[in-house]
Amino acid sequence: MSLGPLLSARPPIPWHAFAALAALAIGATQLALPKGTTRHRVVGYTWAALMLVVAISSFLDPADTPRRSVQPDPSLVDFSVDRRAAGGLARAYASGRQHRRVMISLYVFALIGAGVFTLLPGRIMHTVVFGQ
């Protein structure tokens, strides 16, 4: 495992990846913490801020523009998931009733689900984790 390919990638790719990795770790911690406490709220706001960085950095990545291709492009999955994540964050804070379901869904689908696609051959994270 080497962070070299990620660190040498053009911005905003490193911002996106590091924010997503931090959100993955903080989200797991958040799921284990007691709910309704001040600590839960502070960690939750931190997680939400990281998720906004992930979503905004995906808007800035020129590689996410749709391509004319017959094969599905894994970056298009990230493209749609990150945009849904931004909307999901707004929904989670607007509706207290659906907060738990929306936040867990964002964690599972926007971080873990989309993260699996970053490990496909040809992607930067595949090179970081598995090497050349």
C-alpha atoms as a PDB file:
ATOM      1  CA  MET A   1       0.000   0.000   0.000  1.00  0.00           C
ATOM      2  CA  SER A   2       1.390   3.379  -1.048  1.00  0.00           C
ATOM      3  CA  LEU A   3      -0.204   6.829  -0.857  1.00  0.00           C
ATOM      4  CA  GLY A   4       2.067   8.058  -3.660  1.00  0.00           C
ATOM      5  CA  PRO A   5      -0.499   7.764  -6.482  1.00  0.00           C
ATOM      6  CA  LEU A   6      -3.113   9.553  -4.394  1.00  0.00           C
ATOM      7  CA  LEU A   7      -0.786  12.339  -3.287  1.00  0.00           C
ATOM      8  CA  SER A   8       0.376  12.928  -6.870  1.00  0.00           C
ATOM      9  CA  ALA A   9      -3.185  13.017  -8.275  1.00  0.00           C
ATOM     10  CA  ARG A  10      -4.619  16.319  -9.408  1.00  0.00           C
ATOM     11  CA  PRO A  11      -6.839  18.239  -6.983  1.00  0.00           C
ATOM     12  CA  PRO A  12      -9.575  17.675  -5.845  1.00  0.00           C
ATOM     13  CA  ILE A  13      -8.980  13.901  -5.913  1.00  0.00           C
ATOM     14  CA  PRO A  14      -6.789  13.782  -2.773  1.00  0.00           C
ATOM     15  CA  TRP A  15      -9.227  16.047  -0.868  1.00  0.00           C
ATOM     16  CA  HIS A  16     -12.101  13.801  -1.891  1.00  0.00           C
ATOM     17  CA  ALA A  17     -10.311  10.590  -0.904  1.00  0.00           C
ATOM     18  CA  PHE A  18      -8.982  11.802   2.454  1.00  0.00           C
ATOM     19  CA  ALA A  19     -12.332  13.330   3.422  1.00  0.00           C
ATOM     20  CA  ALA A  20     -14.092  10.090   2.468  1.00  0.00           C
ATOM     21  CA  LEU A  21     -11.624   7.973   4.467  1.00  0.00           C
ATOM     22  CA  ALA A  22     -11.984  10.249   7.490  1.00  0.00           C
ATOM     23  CA  ALA A  23     -15.788  10.156   7.165  1.00  0.00           C
ATOM     24  CA  LEU A  24     -15.644   6.365   6.962  1.00  0.00           C
ATOM     25  CA  ALA A  25     -13.695   6.152  10.249  1.00  0.00           C
ATOM     26  CA  ILE A  26     -15.694   8.841  12.049  1.00  0.00           C
ATOM     27  CA  GLY A  27     -18.974   7.352  10.813  1.00  0.00           C
ATOM     28  CA  ALA A  28     -18.098   3.959  12.265  1.00  0.00           C
ATOM     29  CA  THR A  29     -17.291   5.641  15.573  1.00  0.00           C
ATOM     30  CA  GLN A  30     -20.542   7.583  15.429  1.00  0.00           C
ATOM     31  CA  LEU A  31     -22.586   4.429  14.932  1.00  0.00           C
ATOM     32  CA  ALA A  32     -20.993   2.931  18.055  1.00  0.00           C
ATOM     33  CA  LEU A  33     -21.425   6.000  20.304  1.00  0.00           C
ATOM     34  CA  PRO A  34     -24.491   6.528  22.488  1.00  0.00           C
ATOM     35  CA  LYS A  35     -27.127   8.595  20.695  1.00  0.00           C
ATOM     36  CA  GLY A  36     -28.533  11.927  21.839  1.00  0.00           C
ATOM     37  CA  THR A  37     -25.434  13.127  23.683  1.00  0.00           C
ATOM     38  CA  THR A  38     -23.381  16.246  23.089  1.00  0.00           C
ATOM     39  CA  ARG A  39     -20.529  14.042  21.863  1.00  0.00           C
ATOM     40  CA  HIS A  40     -22.900  12.419  19.336  1.00  0.00           C
ATOM     41  CA  ARG A  41     -23.905  15.849  18.072  1.00  0.00           C
ATOM     42  CA  VAL A  42     -20.318  17.130  17.765  1.00  0.00           C
ATOM     43  CA  VAL A  43     -19.102  13.969  16.024  1.00  0.00           C
ATOM     44  CA  GLY A  44     -22.192  14.100  13.786  1.00  0.00           C
ATOM     45  CA  TYR A  45     -21.490  17.660  12.680  1.00  0.00           C
ATOM     46  CA  THR A  46     -17.881  16.705  11.978  1.00  0.00           C
ATOM     47  CA  TRP A  47     -19.028  13.730   9.911  1.00  0.00           C
ATOM     48  CA  ALA A  48     -21.533  15.881   8.013  1.00  0.00           C
ATOM     49  CA  ALA A  49     -18.840  18.480   7.258  1.00  0.00           C
ATOM     50  CA  LEU A  50     -16.572  15.744   5.887  1.00  0.00           C
ATOM     51  CA  MET A  51     -19.425  14.395   3.765  1.00  0.00           C
ATOM     52  CA  LEU A  52     -19.981  17.893   2.357  1.00  0.00           C
ATOM     53  CA  VAL A  53     -16.291  18.053   1.437  1.00  0.00           C
ATOM     54  CA  VAL A  54     -16.694  14.680  -0.305  1.00  0.00           C
ATOM     55  CA  ALA A  55     -19.780  15.866  -2.195  1.00  0.00           C
ATOM     56  CA  ILE A  56     -18.385  19.284  -3.133  1.00  0.00           C
ATOM     57  CA  SER A  57     -15.035  17.873  -4.220  1.00  0.00           C
ATOM     58  CA  SER A  58     -16.881  15.461  -6.513  1.00  0.00           C
ATOM     59  CA  PHE A  59     -18.552  18.447  -8.198  1.00  0.00           C
ATOM     60  CA  LEU A  60     -15.105  19.914  -8.871  1.00  0.00           C
ATOM     61  CA  ASP A  61     -13.564  16.775 -10.396  1.00  0.00           C
ATOM     62  CA  PRO A  62     -13.469  17.138 -14.198  1.00  0.00           C
ATOM     63  CA  ALA A  63     -13.132  13.339 -14.523  1.00  0.00           C
ATOM     64  CA  ASP A  64     -16.744  13.003 -13.363  1.00  0.00           C
ATOM     65  CA  THR A  65     -18.197  14.563 -16.484  1.00  0.00           C
ATOM     66  CA  PRO A  66     -20.317  12.031 -18.379  1.00  0.00           C
ATOM     67  CA  ARG A  67     -18.478  10.290 -21.202  1.00  0.00           C
ATOM     68  CA  ARG A  68     -19.873   8.852 -24.384  1.00  0.00           C
ATOM     69  CA  SER A  69     -19.133   5.200 -23.862  1.00  0.00           C
ATOM     70  CA  VAL A  70     -20.913   1.879 -24.138  1.00  0.00           C
ATOM     71  CA  GLN A  71     -19.347   0.555 -20.929  1.00  0.00           C
ATOM     72  CA  PRO A  72     -20.587   1.877 -17.587  1.00  0.00           C
ATOM     73  CA  ASP A  73     -18.008   4.128 -15.998  1.00  0.00           C
ATOM     74  CA  PRO A  74     -17.493   3.589 -12.241  1.00  0.00           C
ATOM     75  CA  SER A  75     -16.857   7.313 -11.760  1.00  0.00           C
ATOM     76  CA  LEU A  76     -20.461   7.922 -12.810  1.00  0.00           C
ATOM     77  CA  VAL A  77     -21.548   5.876  -9.795  1.00  0.00           C
ATOM     78  CA  ASP A  78     -19.491   8.176  -7.568  1.00  0.00           C
ATOM     79  CA  PHE A  79     -20.905  11.166  -9.479  1.00  0.00           C
ATOM     80  CA  SER A  80     -24.527  10.274  -8.687  1.00  0.00           C
ATOM     81  CA  VAL A  81     -23.927   8.938  -5.165  1.00  0.00           C
ATOM     82  CA  ASP A  82     -22.064  12.067  -4.046  1.00  0.00           C
ATOM     83  CA  ARG A  83     -24.811  14.331  -5.317  1.00  0.00           C
ATOM     84  CA  ARG A  84     -27.411  12.234  -3.523  1.00  0.00           C
ATOM     85  CA  ALA A  85     -25.258  12.377  -0.384  1.00  0.00           C
ATOM     86  CA  ALA A  86     -25.433  16.172  -0.386  1.00  0.00           C
ATOM     87  CA  GLY A  87     -29.229  16.016  -0.651  1.00  0.00           C
ATOM     88  CA  GLY A  88     -29.389  13.257   1.953  1.00  0.00           C
ATOM     89  CA  LEU A  89     -27.501  15.379   4.472  1.00  0.00           C
ATOM     90  CA  ALA A  90     -30.004  18.171   4.023  1.00  0.00           C
ATOM     91  CA  ARG A  91     -32.918  15.736   4.460  1.00  0.00           C
ATOM     92  CA  ALA A  92     -31.384  14.195   7.587  1.00  0.00           C
ATOM     93  CA  TYR A  93     -31.170  17.546   9.334  1.00  0.00           C
ATOM     94  CA  ALA A  94     -34.516  18.802   8.067  1.00  0.00           C
ATOM     95  CA  SER A  95     -36.451  15.773   9.281  1.00  0.00           C
ATOM     96  CA  GLY A  96     -35.753  14.495  12.781  1.00  0.00           C
ATOM     97  CA  ARG A  97     -38.025  11.516  12.183  1.00  0.00           C
ATOM     98  CA  GLN A  98     -35.941  10.136   9.324  1.00  0.00           C
ATOM     99  CA  HIS A  99     -32.551  11.198  10.703  1.00  0.00           C
ATOM    100  CA  ARG A 100     -31.362   7.732  11.769  1.00  0.00           C
ATOM    101  CA  ARG A 101     -32.418   5.982   8.557  1.00  0.00           C
ATOM    102  CA  VAL A 102     -30.999   8.668   6.265  1.00  0.00           C
ATOM    103  CA  MET A 103     -27.658   8.887   8.092  1.00  0.00           C
ATOM    104  CA  ILE A 104     -27.150   5.117   8.148  1.00  0.00           C
ATOM    105  CA  SER A 105     -28.119   4.937   4.463  1.00  0.00           C
ATOM    106  CA  LEU A 106     -25.625   7.674   3.609  1.00  0.00           C
ATOM    107  CA  TYR A 107     -22.888   5.844   5.493  1.00  0.00           C
ATOM    108  CA  VAL A 108     -23.631   2.481   3.878  1.00  0.00           C
ATOM    109  CA  PHE A 109     -24.360   3.569   0.316  1.00  0.00           C
ATOM    110  CA  ALA A 110     -22.410   6.822  -0.168  1.00  0.00           C
ATOM    111  CA  LEU A 111     -19.251   5.735   1.656  1.00  0.00           C
ATOM    112  CA  ILE A 112     -19.061   1.954   1.689  1.00  0.00           C
ATOM    113  CA  GLY A 113     -21.032   1.269  -1.506  1.00  0.00           C
ATOM    114  CA  ALA A 114     -19.336   3.920  -3.613  1.00  0.00           C
ATOM    115  CA  GLY A 115     -15.999   3.132  -1.960  1.00  0.00           C
ATOM    116  CA  VAL A 116     -16.102  -0.414  -3.290  1.00  0.00           C
ATOM    117  CA  PHE A 117     -16.111   0.974  -6.841  1.00  0.00           C
ATOM    118  CA  THR A 118     -12.933   2.953  -6.148  1.00  0.00           C
ATOM    119  CA  LEU A 119     -11.090  -0.349  -5.736  1.00  0.00           C
ATOM    120  CA  LEU A 120     -11.730  -1.442  -9.336  1.00  0.00           C
ATOM    121  CA  PRO A 121      -8.633  -1.815 -11.566  1.00  0.00           C
ATOM    122  CA  GLY A 122      -7.660   1.413 -13.274  1.00  0.00           C
ATOM    123  CA  ARG A 123      -8.778   3.631 -10.388  1.00  0.00           C
ATOM    124  CA  ILE A 124      -6.331   5.538  -8.187  1.00  0.00           C
ATOM    125  CA  MET A 125      -7.472   3.846  -4.972  1.00  0.00           C
ATOM    126  CA  HIS A 126      -6.910   0.438  -6.549  1.00  0.00           C
ATOM    127  CA  THR A 127      -3.287   1.437  -7.144  1.00  0.00           C
ATOM    128  CA  VAL A 128      -3.005   2.834  -3.598  1.00  0.00           C
ATOM    129  CA  VAL A 129      -4.328  -0.350  -1.979  1.00  0.00           C
ATOM    130  CA  PHE A 130      -3.072  -3.095  -4.311  1.00  0.00           C
ATOM    131  CA  GLY A 131      -0.118  -1.452  -6.082  1.00  0.00           C
ATOM    132  CA  GLN A 132       0.541  -1.581  -9.817  1.00  0.00           C
END
